[in-house]
Protein backbone atom coordinates (compact mmCIF):
# COMPACT_ATOMS: atom_id res chain seq x y z
CA MET A 1 2.16 3.25 -16.79
CA ILE A 2 1.55 1.08 -13.74
CA ARG A 3 -0.27 1.55 -10.47
CA ALA A 4 1.55 -0.44 -7.81
CA ARG A 5 1.02 -1.41 -4.19
CA PHE A 6 4.09 -2.50 -2.25
CA LYS A 7 5.82 -2.67 1.11
CA CYS A 8 8.87 -0.60 2.00
CA ASN A 9 10.78 1.08 4.83
CA HIS A 10 8.39 1.94 7.65
CA ILE A 11 10.62 4.60 9.14
CA ASP A 12 10.78 6.75 5.99
CA PRO A 13 8.60 5.46 3.13
CA ARG A 14 9.20 8.49 0.90
CA PRO A 15 10.89 7.95 -2.48
CA VAL A 16 14.69 8.26 -2.49
CA ASN A 17 14.55 10.56 -5.56
CA TRP A 18 12.78 13.90 -5.72
CA PRO A 19 10.96 15.23 -7.56
CA ILE A 20 9.22 12.18 -8.96
CA LYS A 21 7.08 12.04 -12.08
CA HIS A 22 3.94 10.35 -10.74
CA PRO A 23 1.86 10.58 -7.52
CA TYR A 24 2.16 8.23 -4.54
CA TRP A 25 0.54 7.71 -1.14
CA VAL A 26 1.48 5.95 2.08
CA SER A 27 -1.70 3.96 2.63
CA GLY A 28 -0.85 2.24 5.90
CA TYR A 29 1.67 0.58 8.18
CA GLY A 30 2.26 -2.97 9.27
CA ASP A 31 4.75 -4.66 11.54
CA ARG A 32 8.00 -2.98 10.42
CA PHE A 33 6.80 -1.95 6.94
CA ALA A 34 4.83 0.80 5.23
CA VAL A 35 2.34 0.12 2.46
CA VAL A 36 2.70 2.51 -0.47
CA VAL A 37 0.53 2.98 -3.54
CA ALA A 38 2.36 4.66 -6.41
CA TYR A 39 2.14 5.26 -10.11
CA ALA A 40 5.26 4.76 -12.24
CA ASP A 41 6.18 4.31 -15.88
CA ASP A 42 7.22 0.74 -15.11
CA GLU A 43 8.59 -1.44 -12.33
CA ALA A 44 12.17 -0.32 -13.06
CA GLU A 45 11.20 3.31 -12.36
CA LEU A 46 9.38 2.24 -9.21
CA LEU A 47 12.51 0.45 -7.95
CA ARG A 48 14.70 3.47 -8.72
CA ASN A 49 12.46 5.54 -6.43
CA TRP A 50 11.87 2.84 -3.79
CA PRO A 51 14.87 0.45 -4.01
CA ASP A 52 13.68 -1.37 -0.87
CA ALA A 53 10.21 -2.11 -2.31
CA THR A 54 9.00 -5.68 -1.77
CA GLU A 55 5.82 -7.62 -2.50
CA ILE A 56 5.07 -5.40 -5.49
CA ASP A 57 1.59 -5.89 -6.93
CA SER A 58 1.02 -3.78 -10.04
CA GLU A 59 -1.39 -3.33 -12.91
CA VAL A 60 -1.11 -1.44 -16.18
CA VAL A 61 -3.31 1.67 -16.25
CA GLY A 62 -3.85 4.53 -18.66
CA LEU A 63 -4.94 7.31 -16.30
CA TYR A 64 -4.56 8.36 -12.70
CA ALA A 65 -7.50 7.50 -10.46
CA PHE A 66 -7.84 10.02 -7.65
CA THR A 67 -10.41 9.15 -4.98
CA SER A 68 -11.45 10.30 -1.53
CA ARG A 69 -8.83 7.95 -0.12
CA PHE A 70 -6.14 8.66 -2.74
CA LYS A 71 -6.54 12.40 -3.25
CA LYS A 72 -4.46 14.33 -5.73
CA PRO A 73 -1.30 15.31 -3.79
CA ASP A 74 -0.80 19.06 -3.29
CA TRP A 75 2.68 18.86 -4.84
CA PHE A 76 1.42 17.14 -8.01
CA ASP A 77 0.60 19.40 -10.99
CA GLY A 78 -0.56 16.86 -13.57
CA ASP A 79 -3.93 15.24 -14.19
CA LYS A 80 -2.77 12.86 -16.89
CA PRO A 81 0.39 10.80 -17.31
């Protein structure tokens, strides 16, 4: 599983598929882009959900890391991948 940070559509940064398997957050906005942090099985899955993703920076992780900034989303039922 990866945890990725990337830029995408600033008007509607939600994934194009729903429901999705892993949590995500819109962490900010820039000049004509949104910054999203998302977990995914791999980069291919990430691009299926956000086909307009650019500047993808990802790392392999084994567990979700929920924090005060990246809280567990209300819609998300799982604690582990």
